[in-house]
Amino acid sequence: MPRFVGVVAAFLWGGDFIVGSIGISSHHFWLLYLDYGVLGGFGLGHGYDG
């Protein structure tokens, strides 16, 4: 089970950078803040807890 949580954390945290780059390139800073706050937070939280 820890391996599954680690994979989910990696996808969330990695997806965080992809969506963040879309937010930066489209000049939607609300998307950037929401992305780093939500996806990055869940990814790092699962990574530390898993």
Protein backbone atom coordinates (compact mmCIF):
# COMPACT_ATOMS: atom_id res chain seq x y z
CA MET A 1 0.00 0.00 0.00
CA PRO A 2 2.80 2.54 0.61
CA ARG A 3 3.92 2.12 -2.99
CA PHE A 4 0.44 3.09 -4.26
CA VAL A 5 0.36 6.17 -2.04
CA GLY A 6 3.81 7.12 -3.25
CA VAL A 7 2.76 6.83 -6.89
CA VAL A 8 -0.35 8.96 -6.25
CA ALA A 9 1.78 11.55 -4.45
CA ALA A 10 4.25 11.64 -7.34
CA PHE A 11 1.50 12.16 -9.92
CA LEU A 12 -0.15 14.89 -7.88
CA TRP A 13 3.09 16.69 -7.21
CA GLY A 14 4.32 16.27 -10.79
CA GLY A 15 0.97 17.39 -12.18
CA ASP A 16 1.29 20.41 -9.96
CA PHE A 17 4.20 21.67 -12.04
CA ILE A 18 2.41 21.00 -15.33
CA VAL A 19 -0.74 22.87 -14.34
CA GLY A 20 1.39 25.58 -12.76
CA SER A 21 3.24 26.13 -16.01
CA ILE A 22 -0.09 26.43 -17.83
CA GLY A 23 -1.19 29.03 -15.28
CA ILE A 24 2.00 31.00 -15.74
CA SER A 25 1.94 30.91 -19.54
CA SER A 26 -1.74 31.93 -19.71
CA HIS A 27 -1.26 34.69 -17.08
CA HIS A 28 -3.94 33.21 -14.81
CA PHE A 29 -2.30 33.61 -11.45
CA TRP A 30 -5.41 32.36 -9.61
CA LEU A 31 -4.81 29.03 -11.37
CA LEU A 32 -1.20 29.07 -10.23
CA TYR A 33 -2.10 29.75 -6.61
CA LEU A 34 -4.94 27.22 -6.60
CA ASP A 35 -2.70 24.63 -8.22
CA TYR A 36 0.26 25.00 -5.89
CA GLY A 37 -2.06 25.17 -2.89
CA VAL A 38 -4.29 22.22 -3.70
CA LEU A 39 -2.45 19.76 -5.96
CA GLY A 40 0.94 20.45 -4.46
CA GLY A 41 -0.46 20.30 -0.95
CA PHE A 42 -2.17 16.98 -1.51
CA GLY A 43 0.88 15.56 -3.24
CA LEU A 44 3.30 16.57 -0.52
CA GLY A 45 0.87 15.57 2.21
CA HIS A 46 0.44 12.09 0.77
CA GLY A 47 4.17 11.81 0.27
CA TYR A 48 4.93 12.59 3.90
CA ASP A 49 2.05 10.56 5.31
CA GLY A 50 2.44 7.51 3.07
